[in-house]
N, C-alpha and C. Protein backbone atom coordinates (compact mmCIF):
# COMPACT_ATOMS: atom_id res chain seq x y z
N GLN A 1 -118.79 -33.98 -9.11
CA GLN A 1 -119.88 -33.88 -8.15
C GLN A 1 -119.80 -32.57 -7.38
N VAL A 2 -120.94 -32.07 -7.03
CA VAL A 2 -121.05 -30.85 -6.24
C VAL A 2 -121.86 -31.16 -4.99
N GLN A 3 -121.36 -30.75 -3.86
CA GLN A 3 -122.09 -30.93 -2.61
C GLN A 3 -122.60 -29.56 -2.16
N LEU A 4 -123.84 -29.56 -1.69
CA LEU A 4 -124.48 -28.33 -1.24
C LEU A 4 -124.97 -28.51 0.19
N VAL A 5 -124.69 -27.54 1.02
CA VAL A 5 -125.13 -27.60 2.41
C VAL A 5 -125.81 -26.28 2.77
N GLU A 6 -127.09 -26.38 3.15
CA GLU A 6 -127.85 -25.19 3.52
C GLU A 6 -127.75 -24.97 5.03
N SER A 7 -127.95 -23.73 5.43
CA SER A 7 -128.05 -23.39 6.84
C SER A 7 -128.83 -22.09 6.97
N GLY A 8 -129.28 -21.82 8.18
CA GLY A 8 -129.92 -20.53 8.45
C GLY A 8 -131.41 -20.56 8.63
N GLY A 9 -132.03 -21.72 8.47
CA GLY A 9 -133.48 -21.78 8.67
C GLY A 9 -133.83 -21.64 10.14
N GLY A 10 -135.12 -21.54 10.41
CA GLY A 10 -135.57 -21.42 11.79
C GLY A 10 -136.99 -20.94 11.89
N LEU A 11 -137.34 -20.54 13.09
CA LEU A 11 -138.69 -20.03 13.39
C LEU A 11 -138.62 -18.53 13.58
N VAL A 12 -139.50 -17.82 12.91
CA VAL A 12 -139.52 -16.36 13.01
C VAL A 12 -140.97 -15.88 12.96
N GLN A 13 -141.23 -14.76 13.58
CA GLN A 13 -142.58 -14.19 13.53
C GLN A 13 -142.80 -13.48 12.20
N ALA A 14 -144.04 -13.37 11.82
CA ALA A 14 -144.37 -12.66 10.60
C ALA A 14 -143.80 -11.24 10.65
N GLY A 15 -143.24 -10.82 9.54
CA GLY A 15 -142.60 -9.52 9.47
C GLY A 15 -141.12 -9.56 9.76
N GLY A 16 -140.65 -10.68 10.25
CA GLY A 16 -139.24 -10.83 10.59
C GLY A 16 -138.39 -11.20 9.40
N SER A 17 -137.12 -11.46 9.69
CA SER A 17 -136.14 -11.76 8.64
C SER A 17 -135.33 -12.99 8.98
N LEU A 18 -134.85 -13.65 7.94
CA LEU A 18 -133.90 -14.75 8.06
C LEU A 18 -132.96 -14.68 6.88
N ARG A 19 -131.77 -15.20 7.07
CA ARG A 19 -130.84 -15.34 5.95
C ARG A 19 -130.42 -16.79 5.83
N LEU A 20 -130.64 -17.34 4.66
CA LEU A 20 -130.22 -18.71 4.36
C LEU A 20 -128.88 -18.67 3.64
N SER A 21 -128.09 -19.68 3.90
CA SER A 21 -126.81 -19.82 3.21
C SER A 21 -126.74 -21.19 2.56
N CYS A 22 -126.03 -21.26 1.45
CA CYS A 22 -125.80 -22.53 0.77
C CYS A 22 -124.34 -22.57 0.37
N ALA A 23 -123.60 -23.45 1.00
CA ALA A 23 -122.18 -23.58 0.69
C ALA A 23 -121.98 -24.72 -0.29
N ALA A 24 -121.29 -24.43 -1.37
CA ALA A 24 -121.01 -25.42 -2.40
C ALA A 24 -119.56 -25.89 -2.29
N SER A 25 -119.35 -27.17 -2.52
CA SER A 25 -118.00 -27.72 -2.53
C SER A 25 -117.92 -28.81 -3.58
N GLY A 26 -116.70 -29.22 -3.89
CA GLY A 26 -116.51 -30.23 -4.91
C GLY A 26 -116.13 -29.60 -6.22
N ARG A 27 -116.66 -30.12 -7.28
CA ARG A 27 -116.32 -29.62 -8.61
C ARG A 27 -116.88 -28.22 -8.80
N THR A 28 -116.11 -27.37 -9.41
CA THR A 28 -116.58 -26.02 -9.70
C THR A 28 -116.60 -25.80 -11.20
N PHE A 29 -117.39 -24.84 -11.60
CA PHE A 29 -117.57 -24.53 -13.01
C PHE A 29 -117.47 -23.02 -13.20
N SER A 30 -116.96 -22.61 -14.35
CA SER A 30 -116.90 -21.18 -14.63
C SER A 30 -118.29 -20.66 -14.97
N ARG A 31 -119.12 -21.53 -15.47
CA ARG A 31 -120.51 -21.19 -15.77
C ARG A 31 -121.38 -21.97 -14.80
N PHE A 32 -122.18 -21.26 -14.02
CA PHE A 32 -122.88 -21.94 -12.94
C PHE A 32 -124.20 -21.26 -12.65
N ALA A 33 -125.13 -22.05 -12.19
CA ALA A 33 -126.43 -21.53 -11.77
C ALA A 33 -126.79 -22.13 -10.42
N MET A 34 -127.33 -21.32 -9.56
CA MET A 34 -127.79 -21.79 -8.26
C MET A 34 -129.15 -21.19 -7.99
N GLY A 35 -129.97 -21.97 -7.33
CA GLY A 35 -131.32 -21.49 -7.06
C GLY A 35 -131.80 -21.91 -5.68
N TRP A 36 -132.77 -21.17 -5.19
CA TRP A 36 -133.46 -21.53 -3.95
C TRP A 36 -134.87 -21.99 -4.31
N PHE A 37 -135.18 -23.19 -3.88
CA PHE A 37 -136.52 -23.73 -4.05
C PHE A 37 -137.14 -23.89 -2.67
N ARG A 38 -138.46 -23.97 -2.65
CA ARG A 38 -139.13 -24.27 -1.38
C ARG A 38 -140.30 -25.20 -1.65
N GLN A 39 -140.61 -25.96 -0.62
CA GLN A 39 -141.74 -26.88 -0.73
C GLN A 39 -142.49 -26.91 0.58
N ALA A 40 -143.74 -26.52 0.53
CA ALA A 40 -144.62 -26.57 1.69
C ALA A 40 -145.40 -27.87 1.65
N PRO A 41 -145.89 -28.34 2.78
CA PRO A 41 -146.65 -29.60 2.81
C PRO A 41 -147.83 -29.57 1.84
N GLY A 42 -147.91 -30.60 1.03
CA GLY A 42 -149.02 -30.71 0.09
C GLY A 42 -148.91 -29.85 -1.15
N LYS A 43 -147.78 -29.16 -1.29
CA LYS A 43 -147.60 -28.28 -2.46
C LYS A 43 -146.40 -28.72 -3.28
N GLU A 44 -146.36 -28.27 -4.53
CA GLU A 44 -145.24 -28.58 -5.39
C GLU A 44 -144.03 -27.73 -5.00
N ARG A 45 -142.88 -28.23 -5.35
CA ARG A 45 -141.65 -27.48 -5.11
C ARG A 45 -141.61 -26.31 -6.08
N GLU A 46 -141.32 -25.13 -5.57
CA GLU A 46 -141.26 -23.94 -6.42
C GLU A 46 -139.94 -23.22 -6.22
N CYS A 47 -139.48 -22.59 -7.30
CA CYS A 47 -138.26 -21.81 -7.23
C CYS A 47 -138.61 -20.39 -6.81
N VAL A 48 -137.94 -19.88 -5.80
CA VAL A 48 -138.20 -18.52 -5.36
C VAL A 48 -137.16 -17.54 -5.90
N ALA A 49 -135.96 -18.03 -6.17
CA ALA A 49 -134.92 -17.14 -6.69
C ALA A 49 -133.80 -17.96 -7.30
N ALA A 50 -133.13 -17.38 -8.27
CA ALA A 50 -132.00 -18.05 -8.91
C ALA A 50 -130.98 -17.02 -9.34
N ILE A 51 -129.74 -17.47 -9.38
CA ILE A 51 -128.65 -16.60 -9.80
C ILE A 51 -127.73 -17.40 -10.71
N ARG A 52 -127.31 -16.77 -11.79
CA ARG A 52 -126.44 -17.42 -12.75
C ARG A 52 -125.24 -16.54 -13.03
N TRP A 53 -124.12 -17.19 -13.28
CA TRP A 53 -122.94 -16.41 -13.61
C TRP A 53 -122.06 -17.16 -14.61
N TYR A 54 -121.27 -16.37 -15.35
CA TYR A 54 -120.34 -16.86 -16.35
C TYR A 54 -119.00 -16.22 -16.06
N GLY A 55 -118.00 -17.05 -15.79
CA GLY A 55 -116.73 -16.51 -15.36
C GLY A 55 -116.91 -15.97 -13.96
N GLY A 56 -116.47 -14.77 -13.69
CA GLY A 56 -116.60 -14.24 -12.35
C GLY A 56 -117.78 -13.33 -12.14
N ALA A 57 -118.50 -12.98 -13.22
CA ALA A 57 -119.53 -11.96 -13.11
C ALA A 57 -120.93 -12.58 -13.05
N THR A 58 -121.74 -12.06 -12.17
CA THR A 58 -123.14 -12.48 -12.11
C THR A 58 -123.86 -11.96 -13.34
N SER A 59 -124.56 -12.85 -13.99
CA SER A 59 -125.22 -12.47 -15.23
C SER A 59 -126.72 -12.29 -15.08
N TYR A 60 -127.35 -13.15 -14.33
CA TYR A 60 -128.79 -13.09 -14.23
C TYR A 60 -129.23 -13.37 -12.79
N VAL A 61 -130.24 -12.65 -12.38
CA VAL A 61 -130.90 -12.88 -11.10
C VAL A 61 -132.39 -12.88 -11.37
N ASN A 62 -133.07 -13.88 -10.88
CA ASN A 62 -134.51 -13.99 -11.10
C ASN A 62 -135.22 -14.27 -9.78
N TYR A 63 -136.45 -13.76 -9.68
CA TYR A 63 -137.27 -13.97 -8.49
C TYR A 63 -138.68 -14.37 -8.89
N ALA A 64 -139.26 -15.20 -8.06
CA ALA A 64 -140.69 -15.47 -8.20
C ALA A 64 -141.46 -14.22 -7.78
N ASP A 65 -142.61 -14.01 -8.39
CA ASP A 65 -143.41 -12.83 -8.09
C ASP A 65 -143.77 -12.76 -6.61
N SER A 66 -143.96 -13.91 -5.99
CA SER A 66 -144.40 -13.94 -4.60
C SER A 66 -143.36 -13.42 -3.62
N VAL A 67 -142.10 -13.32 -4.05
CA VAL A 67 -141.05 -12.88 -3.12
C VAL A 67 -140.35 -11.61 -3.58
N LYS A 68 -140.68 -11.10 -4.75
CA LYS A 68 -140.03 -9.89 -5.25
C LYS A 68 -140.21 -8.75 -4.27
N GLY A 69 -139.11 -8.06 -4.03
CA GLY A 69 -139.14 -6.93 -3.11
C GLY A 69 -138.93 -7.33 -1.66
N ARG A 70 -139.00 -8.62 -1.37
CA ARG A 70 -138.81 -9.10 0.01
C ARG A 70 -137.56 -9.97 0.15
N PHE A 71 -137.26 -10.75 -0.86
CA PHE A 71 -136.12 -11.66 -0.81
C PHE A 71 -135.01 -11.13 -1.73
N THR A 72 -133.78 -11.37 -1.32
CA THR A 72 -132.63 -11.00 -2.13
C THR A 72 -131.66 -12.17 -2.19
N ILE A 73 -131.31 -12.57 -3.41
CA ILE A 73 -130.34 -13.64 -3.61
C ILE A 73 -128.99 -13.02 -3.93
N SER A 74 -127.94 -13.62 -3.39
CA SER A 74 -126.60 -13.10 -3.66
C SER A 74 -125.62 -14.25 -3.53
N ARG A 75 -124.37 -13.96 -3.89
CA ARG A 75 -123.36 -15.00 -3.79
C ARG A 75 -122.03 -14.40 -3.40
N ASP A 76 -121.20 -15.25 -2.85
CA ASP A 76 -119.84 -14.87 -2.47
C ASP A 76 -118.91 -15.68 -3.36
N ASN A 77 -118.21 -15.00 -4.25
CA ASN A 77 -117.33 -15.68 -5.20
C ASN A 77 -116.30 -16.57 -4.52
N ALA A 78 -115.62 -15.98 -3.56
CA ALA A 78 -114.48 -16.66 -2.95
C ALA A 78 -114.91 -17.92 -2.21
N LYS A 79 -116.07 -17.86 -1.58
CA LYS A 79 -116.52 -19.00 -0.76
C LYS A 79 -117.42 -19.94 -1.53
N ILE A 80 -117.77 -19.59 -2.75
CA ILE A 80 -118.75 -20.35 -3.52
C ILE A 80 -119.97 -20.61 -2.65
N THR A 81 -120.49 -19.57 -2.10
CA THR A 81 -121.64 -19.63 -1.22
C THR A 81 -122.73 -18.72 -1.75
N MET A 82 -123.95 -19.21 -1.66
CA MET A 82 -125.11 -18.44 -2.09
C MET A 82 -125.94 -18.10 -0.86
N TYR A 83 -126.56 -16.95 -0.90
CA TYR A 83 -127.37 -16.50 0.22
C TYR A 83 -128.78 -16.14 -0.24
N LEU A 84 -129.71 -16.24 0.68
CA LEU A 84 -131.06 -15.74 0.44
C LEU A 84 -131.46 -14.93 1.66
N GLN A 85 -131.49 -13.62 1.49
CA GLN A 85 -131.95 -12.74 2.55
C GLN A 85 -133.45 -12.61 2.43
N MET A 86 -134.16 -13.01 3.46
CA MET A 86 -135.62 -13.01 3.43
C MET A 86 -136.13 -12.00 4.45
N ASN A 87 -136.78 -10.97 3.97
CA ASN A 87 -137.35 -9.93 4.82
C ASN A 87 -138.86 -9.93 4.72
N SER A 88 -139.50 -9.28 5.65
CA SER A 88 -140.97 -9.16 5.66
C SER A 88 -141.62 -10.53 5.46
N LEU A 89 -141.15 -11.49 6.21
CA LEU A 89 -141.63 -12.86 6.04
C LEU A 89 -143.11 -12.98 6.40
N LYS A 90 -143.77 -13.86 5.67
CA LYS A 90 -145.20 -14.11 5.85
C LYS A 90 -145.41 -15.58 6.21
N PRO A 91 -146.51 -15.88 6.86
CA PRO A 91 -146.79 -17.29 7.18
C PRO A 91 -146.76 -18.19 5.94
N GLU A 92 -147.17 -17.66 4.81
CA GLU A 92 -147.17 -18.48 3.58
C GLU A 92 -145.77 -18.74 3.04
N ASP A 93 -144.75 -18.14 3.64
CA ASP A 93 -143.37 -18.46 3.27
C ASP A 93 -142.87 -19.71 3.99
N THR A 94 -143.67 -20.23 4.90
CA THR A 94 -143.29 -21.44 5.63
C THR A 94 -143.12 -22.60 4.67
N ALA A 95 -141.96 -23.24 4.73
CA ALA A 95 -141.65 -24.34 3.82
C ALA A 95 -140.27 -24.88 4.17
N VAL A 96 -139.93 -26.00 3.55
CA VAL A 96 -138.54 -26.45 3.54
C VAL A 96 -137.88 -25.79 2.34
N TYR A 97 -136.77 -25.13 2.58
CA TYR A 97 -136.05 -24.43 1.53
C TYR A 97 -134.85 -25.26 1.11
N TYR A 98 -134.71 -25.43 -0.20
CA TYR A 98 -133.64 -26.23 -0.77
C TYR A 98 -132.75 -25.36 -1.66
N CYS A 99 -131.48 -25.65 -1.58
CA CYS A 99 -130.50 -25.06 -2.48
C CYS A 99 -130.28 -26.03 -3.63
N ALA A 100 -130.17 -25.51 -4.85
CA ALA A 100 -129.94 -26.35 -6.01
C ALA A 100 -128.89 -25.70 -6.91
N ALA A 101 -128.20 -26.52 -7.68
CA ALA A 101 -127.15 -25.98 -8.54
C ALA A 101 -126.96 -26.86 -9.77
N ASP A 102 -126.43 -26.23 -10.81
CA ASP A 102 -126.06 -26.95 -12.02
C ASP A 102 -125.15 -26.06 -12.85
N SER A 103 -124.39 -26.69 -13.72
CA SER A 103 -123.50 -25.90 -14.57
C SER A 103 -124.23 -25.34 -15.79
N ASN A 104 -125.38 -25.89 -16.09
CA ASN A 104 -126.09 -25.43 -17.28
C ASN A 104 -127.57 -25.72 -17.10
N ILE A 105 -128.37 -24.71 -17.07
CA ILE A 105 -129.81 -24.91 -16.90
C ILE A 105 -130.55 -24.29 -18.07
N GLY A 106 -131.78 -24.74 -18.22
CA GLY A 106 -132.64 -24.14 -19.23
C GLY A 106 -133.40 -22.99 -18.59
N TRP A 107 -134.56 -23.30 -18.05
CA TRP A 107 -135.36 -22.30 -17.36
C TRP A 107 -134.97 -22.26 -15.88
N TRP A 108 -134.77 -21.08 -15.34
CA TRP A 108 -134.24 -20.95 -13.99
C TRP A 108 -135.17 -21.51 -12.93
N TYR A 109 -136.46 -21.59 -13.23
CA TYR A 109 -137.44 -21.99 -12.22
C TYR A 109 -137.83 -23.47 -12.30
N VAL A 110 -137.19 -24.22 -13.21
CA VAL A 110 -137.56 -25.62 -13.41
C VAL A 110 -136.65 -26.51 -12.58
N ALA A 111 -137.24 -27.22 -11.62
CA ALA A 111 -136.45 -28.02 -10.68
C ALA A 111 -135.63 -29.10 -11.39
N ARG A 112 -136.18 -29.73 -12.42
CA ARG A 112 -135.48 -30.84 -13.06
C ARG A 112 -134.25 -30.38 -13.83
N ASP A 113 -134.08 -29.08 -14.03
CA ASP A 113 -132.89 -28.58 -14.70
C ASP A 113 -131.67 -28.54 -13.78
N TYR A 114 -131.89 -28.71 -12.50
CA TYR A 114 -130.80 -28.66 -11.53
C TYR A 114 -130.41 -30.09 -11.13
N SER A 115 -129.12 -30.38 -11.20
CA SER A 115 -128.65 -31.74 -10.91
C SER A 115 -128.28 -31.94 -9.45
N TYR A 116 -127.89 -30.87 -8.78
CA TYR A 116 -127.36 -30.99 -7.42
C TYR A 116 -128.30 -30.29 -6.44
N TRP A 117 -128.54 -30.95 -5.31
CA TRP A 117 -129.48 -30.45 -4.32
C TRP A 117 -128.91 -30.59 -2.92
N GLY A 118 -129.25 -29.64 -2.07
CA GLY A 118 -128.94 -29.74 -0.66
C GLY A 118 -130.01 -30.53 0.07
N GLN A 119 -129.82 -30.66 1.37
CA GLN A 119 -130.72 -31.49 2.17
C GLN A 119 -131.96 -30.74 2.62
N GLY A 120 -131.95 -29.43 2.50
CA GLY A 120 -133.11 -28.62 2.88
C GLY A 120 -132.99 -28.07 4.29
N THR A 121 -133.59 -26.92 4.50
CA THR A 121 -133.64 -26.31 5.82
C THR A 121 -135.05 -25.75 6.05
N GLN A 122 -135.58 -25.99 7.23
CA GLN A 122 -136.96 -25.60 7.52
C GLN A 122 -137.03 -24.12 7.87
N VAL A 123 -137.99 -23.44 7.25
CA VAL A 123 -138.32 -22.06 7.61
C VAL A 123 -139.77 -22.04 8.04
N THR A 124 -140.02 -21.57 9.25
CA THR A 124 -141.37 -21.50 9.77
C THR A 124 -141.65 -20.06 10.20
N VAL A 125 -142.72 -19.51 9.64
CA VAL A 125 -143.11 -18.13 9.96
C VAL A 125 -144.43 -18.18 10.71
N SER A 126 -144.43 -17.72 11.93
CA SER A 126 -145.64 -17.74 12.74
C SER A 126 -146.41 -16.43 12.59
N SER A 127 -147.72 -16.54 12.68
CA SER A 127 -148.57 -15.34 12.52
C SER A 127 -148.78 -14.62 13.83
């Protein structure tokens, strides 16, 4: 089992920045994928960014078109922690953000490919 705990959400004005963190604990894998999903009221859950690694090296980083150039996903090997740096935030970025993880995924943006989920953290961007 893998436990995921998100932190760092909050209220920010448009144009501002936030950094989300996701700390993983429990079972670890040499091959791992972690992603950030978000869900706004009345909308489907969407993946905004994902990172995959094999052994110690990051192999793939992917972003949704809506956040490219504004969001940056990264990880800390030693802490098994993933981050999402969100800059130039827009009101449409308002959502509950979830951290997800799995040892083996198919498509990085498909929610059902991830077995482990955090509890979510609210991000609200005011105009």
